[in-house]
PDB file of N, CA and C in Angstrom:
ATOM      1  N   MET A   1     -63.624 -45.613  41.873  1.00  0.00           N
ATOM      2  CA  MET A   1     -63.651 -46.680  40.738  1.00  0.00           C
ATOM      3  C   MET A   1     -65.058 -47.259  41.152  1.00  0.00           C
ATOM      4  N   HIS A   2     -65.587 -47.802  42.333  1.00  0.00           N
ATOM      5  CA  HIS A   2     -66.971 -48.066  42.467  1.00  0.00           C
ATOM      6  C   HIS A   2     -68.202 -47.404  41.983  1.00  0.00           C
ATOM      7  N   VAL A   3     -67.919 -45.881  42.431  1.00  0.00           N
ATOM      8  CA  VAL A   3     -68.842 -45.096  41.922  1.00  0.00           C
ATOM      9  C   VAL A   3     -68.886 -45.010  40.365  1.00  0.00           C
ATOM     10  N   LEU A   4     -68.002 -45.084  39.775  1.00  0.00           N
ATOM     11  CA  LEU A   4     -67.907 -44.888  38.367  1.00  0.00           C
ATOM     12  C   LEU A   4     -68.362 -46.066  37.646  1.00  0.00           C
ATOM     13  N   GLU A   5     -68.225 -47.049  38.071  1.00  0.00           N
ATOM     14  CA  GLU A   5     -68.649 -48.284  37.520  1.00  0.00           C
ATOM     15  C   GLU A   5     -69.926 -48.537  37.700  1.00  0.00           C
ATOM     16  N   GLN A   6     -70.390 -48.430  39.023  1.00  0.00           N
ATOM     17  CA  GLN A   6     -71.748 -48.861  39.685  1.00  0.00           C
ATOM     18  C   GLN A   6     -72.783 -47.341  39.241  1.00  0.00           C
ATOM     19  N   ILE A   7     -72.524 -46.312  39.559  1.00  0.00           N
ATOM     20  CA  ILE A   7     -73.177 -45.264  39.370  1.00  0.00           C
ATOM     21  C   ILE A   7     -73.439 -44.975  37.810  1.00  0.00           C
ATOM     22  N   PHE A   8     -72.108 -44.862  37.113  1.00  0.00           N
ATOM     23  CA  PHE A   8     -72.188 -44.445  35.985  1.00  0.00           C
ATOM     24  C   PHE A   8     -72.149 -45.503  34.717  1.00  0.00           C
ATOM     25  N   GLY A   9     -72.031 -46.434  35.354  1.00  0.00           N
ATOM     26  CA  GLY A   9     -71.974 -47.816  34.269  1.00  0.00           C
ATOM     27  C   GLY A   9     -70.658 -47.751  33.243  1.00  0.00           C
ATOM     28  N   LYS A  10     -69.592 -47.079  34.339  1.00  0.00           N
ATOM     29  CA  LYS A  10     -68.566 -47.195  33.132  1.00  0.00           C
ATOM     30  C   LYS A  10     -67.616 -48.720  33.646  1.00  0.00           C
ATOM     31  N   ASP A  11     -67.102 -48.867  32.269  1.00  0.00           N
ATOM     32  CA  ASP A  11     -66.066 -50.316  32.598  1.00  0.00           C
ATOM     33  C   ASP A  11     -64.734 -49.956  33.303  1.00  0.00           C
ATOM     34  N   ARG A  12     -63.879 -51.055  33.485  1.00  0.00           N
ATOM     35  CA  ARG A  12     -62.710 -50.684  34.463  1.00  0.00           C
ATOM     36  C   ARG A  12     -61.772 -49.859  33.471  1.00  0.00           C
ATOM     37  N   GLU A  13     -61.764 -50.026  32.387  1.00  0.00           N
ATOM     38  CA  GLU A  13     -60.437 -49.178  31.818  1.00  0.00           C
ATOM     39  C   GLU A  13     -60.967 -47.899  31.773  1.00  0.00           C
ATOM     40  N   THR A  14     -61.952 -47.560  31.549  1.00  0.00           N
ATOM     41  CA  THR A  14     -62.485 -45.970  31.481  1.00  0.00           C
ATOM     42  C   THR A  14     -62.648 -45.261  32.907  1.00  0.00           C
ATOM     43  N   ALA A  15     -63.364 -46.087  33.773  1.00  0.00           N
ATOM     44  CA  ALA A  15     -63.249 -45.573  35.111  1.00  0.00           C
ATOM     45  C   ALA A  15     -61.846 -45.471  35.573  1.00  0.00           C
ATOM     46  N   THR A  16     -60.767 -46.198  35.615  1.00  0.00           N
ATOM     47  CA  THR A  16     -59.205 -45.890  36.005  1.00  0.00           C
ATOM     48  C   THR A  16     -58.971 -44.792  35.199  1.00  0.00           C
ATOM     49  N   ARG A  17     -59.523 -44.541  33.703  1.00  0.00           N
ATOM     50  CA  ARG A  17     -58.632 -43.335  33.416  1.00  0.00           C
ATOM     51  C   ARG A  17     -59.575 -41.903  33.786  1.00  0.00           C
ATOM     52  N   ILE A  18     -60.607 -42.213  34.022  1.00  0.00           N
ATOM     53  CA  ILE A  18     -61.628 -40.668  34.671  1.00  0.00           C
ATOM     54  C   ILE A  18     -60.724 -40.787  36.307  1.00  0.00           C
ATOM     55  N   MET A  19     -60.832 -41.879  36.710  1.00  0.00           N
ATOM     56  CA  MET A  19     -59.983 -41.626  38.373  1.00  0.00           C
ATOM     57  C   MET A  19     -58.992 -40.783  38.481  1.00  0.00           C
ATOM     58  N   LEU A  20     -57.964 -41.302  37.388  1.00  0.00           N
ATOM     59  CA  LEU A  20     -56.703 -40.936  37.281  1.00  0.00           C
ATOM     60  C   LEU A  20     -56.591 -39.504  36.980  1.00  0.00           C
ATOM     61  N   LYS A  21     -57.243 -39.151  36.392  1.00  0.00           N
ATOM     62  CA  LYS A  21     -57.840 -37.830  35.975  1.00  0.00           C
ATOM     63  C   LYS A  21     -58.148 -36.858  36.702  1.00  0.00           C
ATOM     64  N   THR A  22     -58.883 -37.168  37.498  1.00  0.00           N
ATOM     65  CA  THR A  22     -59.427 -36.708  38.704  1.00  0.00           C
ATOM     66  C   THR A  22     -58.454 -36.326  39.596  1.00  0.00           C
ATOM     67  N   HIS A  23     -57.515 -37.375  39.813  1.00  0.00           N
ATOM     68  CA  HIS A  23     -56.587 -37.470  40.932  1.00  0.00           C
ATOM     69  C   HIS A  23     -55.421 -36.294  40.631  1.00  0.00           C
ATOM     70  N   ASN A  24     -55.447 -36.304  39.313  1.00  0.00           N
ATOM     71  CA  ASN A  24     -54.197 -35.702  38.982  1.00  0.00           C
ATOM     72  C   ASN A  24     -54.787 -33.997  38.583  1.00  0.00           C
ATOM     73  N   THR A  25     -55.483 -33.774  38.464  1.00  0.00           N
ATOM     74  CA  THR A  25     -56.453 -32.403  37.902  1.00  0.00           C
ATOM     75  C   THR A  25     -57.271 -31.573  38.963  1.00  0.00           C
ATOM     76  N   GLY A  26     -57.832 -32.838  39.699  1.00  0.00           N
ATOM     77  CA  GLY A  26     -59.155 -32.398  40.664  1.00  0.00           C
ATOM     78  C   GLY A  26     -60.366 -32.207  40.048  1.00  0.00           C
ATOM     79  N   ARG A  27     -60.259 -32.967  38.988  1.00  0.00           N
ATOM     80  CA  ARG A  27     -61.548 -33.065  37.912  1.00  0.00           C
ATOM     81  C   ARG A  27     -61.903 -34.027  36.931  1.00  0.00           C
ATOM     82  N   GLY A  28     -62.976 -34.294  36.860  1.00  0.00           N
ATOM     83  CA  GLY A  28     -63.103 -35.557  35.823  1.00  0.00           C
ATOM     84  C   GLY A  28     -64.455 -35.870  35.348  1.00  0.00           C
ATOM     85  N   GLU A  29     -64.675 -35.919  33.857  1.00  0.00           N
ATOM     86  CA  GLU A  29     -65.640 -35.760  33.487  1.00  0.00           C
ATOM     87  C   GLU A  29     -66.370 -37.560  33.334  1.00  0.00           C
ATOM     88  N   CYS A  30     -67.812 -37.544  33.936  1.00  0.00           N
ATOM     89  CA  CYS A  30     -68.504 -39.024  33.860  1.00  0.00           C
ATOM     90  C   CYS A  30     -69.386 -39.212  32.627  1.00  0.00           C
ATOM     91  N   GLY A  31     -69.810 -38.118  32.086  1.00  0.00           N
ATOM     92  CA  GLY A  31     -70.398 -37.943  30.774  1.00  0.00           C
ATOM     93  C   GLY A  31     -71.209 -37.029  30.878  1.00  0.00           C
ATOM     94  N   THR A  32     -72.507 -37.291  29.588  1.00  0.00           N
ATOM     95  CA  THR A  32     -73.268 -35.957  29.569  1.00  0.00           C
ATOM     96  C   THR A  32     -74.481 -36.577  29.240  1.00  0.00           C
ATOM     97  N   TYR A  33     -75.371 -35.887  30.442  1.00  0.00           N
ATOM     98  CA  TYR A  33     -76.719 -36.529  30.420  1.00  0.00           C
ATOM     99  C   TYR A  33     -77.608 -35.181  30.639  1.00  0.00           C
ATOM    100  N   GLY A  34     -79.013 -35.885  30.358  1.00  0.00           N
ATOM    101  CA  GLY A  34     -79.969 -34.574  30.537  1.00  0.00           C
ATOM    102  C   GLY A  34     -80.039 -34.112  32.220  1.00  0.00           C
ATOM    103  N   PHE A  35     -80.535 -32.931  32.267  1.00  0.00           N
ATOM    104  CA  PHE A  35     -80.456 -32.472  33.677  1.00  0.00           C
ATOM    105  C   PHE A  35     -81.029 -33.356  34.857  1.00  0.00           C
ATOM    106  N   ALA A  36     -82.063 -33.969  34.773  1.00  0.00           N
ATOM    107  CA  ALA A  36     -82.564 -34.867  35.387  1.00  0.00           C
ATOM    108  C   ALA A  36     -82.125 -36.125  35.798  1.00  0.00           C
ATOM    109  N   LEU A  37     -81.365 -36.666  34.733  1.00  0.00           N
ATOM    110  CA  LEU A  37     -80.263 -37.900  35.031  1.00  0.00           C
ATOM    111  C   LEU A  37     -79.245 -37.558  36.063  1.00  0.00           C
ATOM    112  N   ALA A  38     -78.641 -35.880  35.515  1.00  0.00           N
ATOM    113  CA  ALA A  38     -77.671 -35.685  35.980  1.00  0.00           C
ATOM    114  C   ALA A  38     -77.658 -35.365  37.369  1.00  0.00           C
ATOM    115  N   ASP A  39     -78.591 -34.513  37.530  1.00  0.00           N
ATOM    116  CA  ASP A  39     -78.927 -34.579  39.121  1.00  0.00           C
ATOM    117  C   ASP A  39     -79.144 -35.575  39.926  1.00  0.00           C
ATOM    118  N   ALA A  40     -79.744 -36.594  39.491  1.00  0.00           N
ATOM    119  CA  ALA A  40     -79.981 -37.587  40.605  1.00  0.00           C
ATOM    120  C   ALA A  40     -78.732 -38.651  40.174  1.00  0.00           C
ATOM    121  N   ARG A  41     -78.216 -38.704  39.524  1.00  0.00           N
ATOM    122  CA  ARG A  41     -76.582 -39.238  39.746  1.00  0.00           C
ATOM    123  C   ARG A  41     -75.974 -38.547  40.856  1.00  0.00           C
ATOM    124  N   ALA A  42     -75.659 -37.434  40.409  1.00  0.00           N
ATOM    125  CA  ALA A  42     -75.212 -36.586  41.458  1.00  0.00           C
ATOM    126  C   ALA A  42     -75.299 -36.668  42.860  1.00  0.00           C
ATOM    127  N   LYS A  43     -76.734 -36.657  43.312  1.00  0.00           N
ATOM    128  CA  LYS A  43     -76.921 -36.785  44.394  1.00  0.00           C
ATOM    129  C   LYS A  43     -76.578 -38.300  45.188  1.00  0.00           C
ATOM    130  N   GLU A  44     -77.063 -39.203  44.062  1.00  0.00           N
ATOM    131  CA  GLU A  44     -76.385 -40.725  44.701  1.00  0.00           C
ATOM    132  C   GLU A  44     -74.949 -40.676  44.913  1.00  0.00           C
ATOM    133  N   VAL A  45     -74.054 -39.766  44.271  1.00  0.00           N
ATOM    134  CA  VAL A  45     -72.668 -40.051  44.330  1.00  0.00           C
ATOM    135  C   VAL A  45     -72.302 -39.435  45.599  1.00  0.00           C
ATOM    136  N   GLU A  46     -73.004 -38.166  45.792  1.00  0.00           N
ATOM    137  CA  GLU A  46     -72.793 -37.441  47.058  1.00  0.00           C
ATOM    138  C   GLU A  46     -73.108 -38.155  48.111  1.00  0.00           C
ATOM    139  N   ALA A  47     -74.323 -38.767  48.326  1.00  0.00           N
ATOM    140  CA  ALA A  47     -75.124 -39.755  49.280  1.00  0.00           C
ATOM    141  C   ALA A  47     -73.848 -40.751  49.588  1.00  0.00           C
ATOM    142  N   PHE A  48     -73.621 -41.793  48.636  1.00  0.00           N
ATOM    143  CA  PHE A  48     -72.664 -42.784  48.752  1.00  0.00           C
ATOM    144  C   PHE A  48     -71.459 -42.241  49.578  1.00  0.00           C
ATOM    145  N   ALA A  49     -70.735 -41.250  48.845  1.00  0.00           N
ATOM    146  CA  ALA A  49     -69.746 -40.489  49.194  1.00  0.00           C
ATOM    147  C   ALA A  49     -69.685 -40.408  50.939  1.00  0.00           C
ATOM    148  N   ARG A  50     -70.633 -39.632  51.252  1.00  0.00           N
ATOM    149  CA  ARG A  50     -70.998 -39.277  52.713  1.00  0.00           C
ATOM    150  C   ARG A  50     -70.976 -40.648  53.593  1.00  0.00           C
ATOM    151  N   GLU A  51     -71.937 -41.715  53.318  1.00  0.00           N
ATOM    152  CA  GLU A  51     -72.006 -42.773  54.015  1.00  0.00           C
ATOM    153  C   GLU A  51     -70.721 -43.602  54.008  1.00  0.00           C
ATOM    154  N   HIS A  52     -69.905 -43.596  53.043  1.00  0.00           N
ATOM    155  CA  HIS A  52     -68.506 -44.337  53.037  1.00  0.00           C
ATOM    156  C   HIS A  52     -67.620 -43.318  53.768  1.00  0.00           C
ATOM    157  N   GLY A  53     -67.746 -42.118  54.103  1.00  0.00           N
ATOM    158  CA  GLY A  53     -66.539 -41.007  54.838  1.00  0.00           C
ATOM    159  C   GLY A  53     -65.491 -40.524  53.809  1.00  0.00           C
ATOM    160  N   HIS A  54     -66.220 -40.223  52.734  1.00  0.00           N
ATOM    161  CA  HIS A  54     -65.499 -39.844  51.364  1.00  0.00           C
ATOM    162  C   HIS A  54     -65.794 -38.464  51.078  1.00  0.00           C
ATOM    163  N   PRO A  55     -64.358 -37.492  50.566  1.00  0.00           N
ATOM    164  CA  PRO A  55     -64.937 -36.234  50.483  1.00  0.00           C
ATOM    165  C   PRO A  55     -65.067 -36.075  48.951  1.00  0.00           C
ATOM    166  N   LEU A  56     -65.614 -36.874  48.597  1.00  0.00           N
ATOM    167  CA  LEU A  56     -66.137 -36.403  47.011  1.00  0.00           C
ATOM    168  C   LEU A  56     -67.305 -35.717  46.465  1.00  0.00           C
ATOM    169  N   ARG A  57     -66.832 -34.723  45.740  1.00  0.00           N
ATOM    170  CA  ARG A  57     -68.406 -33.868  45.060  1.00  0.00           C
ATOM    171  C   ARG A  57     -68.702 -34.440  43.800  1.00  0.00           C
ATOM    172  N   CYS A  58     -69.843 -34.208  43.476  1.00  0.00           N
ATOM    173  CA  CYS A  58     -70.147 -34.451  42.238  1.00  0.00           C
ATOM    174  C   CYS A  58     -70.969 -33.114  41.582  1.00  0.00           C
ATOM    175  N   ILE A  59     -70.535 -32.423  40.706  1.00  0.00           N
ATOM    176  CA  ILE A  59     -71.070 -31.271  40.577  1.00  0.00           C
ATOM    177  C   ILE A  59     -71.485 -31.199  38.744  1.00  0.00           C
ATOM    178  N   ILE A  60     -72.402 -30.666  38.474  1.00  0.00           N
ATOM    179  CA  ILE A  60     -73.308 -30.614  37.279  1.00  0.00           C
ATOM    180  C   ILE A  60     -72.719 -29.428  36.721  1.00  0.00           C
ATOM    181  N   GLU A  61     -72.239 -29.791  35.538  1.00  0.00           N
ATOM    182  CA  GLU A  61     -71.883 -28.350  34.527  1.00  0.00           C
ATOM    183  C   GLU A  61     -72.674 -28.289  33.170  1.00  0.00           C
ATOM    184  N   ALA A  62     -72.964 -27.092  32.561  1.00  0.00           N
ATOM    185  CA  ALA A  62     -73.818 -27.372  31.293  1.00  0.00           C
ATOM    186  C   ALA A  62     -72.565 -27.673  30.232  1.00  0.00           C
ATOM    187  N   ALA A  63     -73.022 -28.550  29.505  1.00  0.00           N
ATOM    188  CA  ALA A  63     -71.945 -28.717  28.068  1.00  0.00           C
ATOM    189  C   ALA A  63     -71.683 -28.139  27.737  1.00  0.00           C
ATOM    190  N   GLN A  64     -70.803 -27.668  27.070  1.00  0.00           N
ATOM    191  CA  GLN A  64     -70.174 -26.697  26.206  1.00  0.00           C
ATOM    192  C   GLN A  64     -70.305 -26.972  24.922  1.00  0.00           C
ATOM    193  N   SER A  65     -71.102 -25.946  24.142  1.00  0.00           N
ATOM    194  CA  SER A  65     -71.513 -25.967  22.904  1.00  0.00           C
ATOM    195  C   SER A  65     -70.243 -25.807  21.829  1.00  0.00           C
ATOM    196  N   GLY A  66     -70.376 -26.381  20.413  1.00  0.00           N
ATOM    197  CA  GLY A  66     -69.186 -25.662  19.593  1.00  0.00           C
ATOM    198  C   GLY A  66     -68.744 -27.268  19.195  1.00  0.00           C
TER     199      GLY A  66
END
């Protein structure tokens, strides 16, 4: 929740929805960003997770067109 709220700027309701989807399906979408910003946020998430002993991964995927 902290990562979604602080790093991705999500409100509590949105963060909760993303967290539950991630918990239930193994993945959740935090948003669509340009590559540089997505890369920076992914690195920030993984550094935060490591620092706090969490096995969280943040993966950048290309947006689906169409």
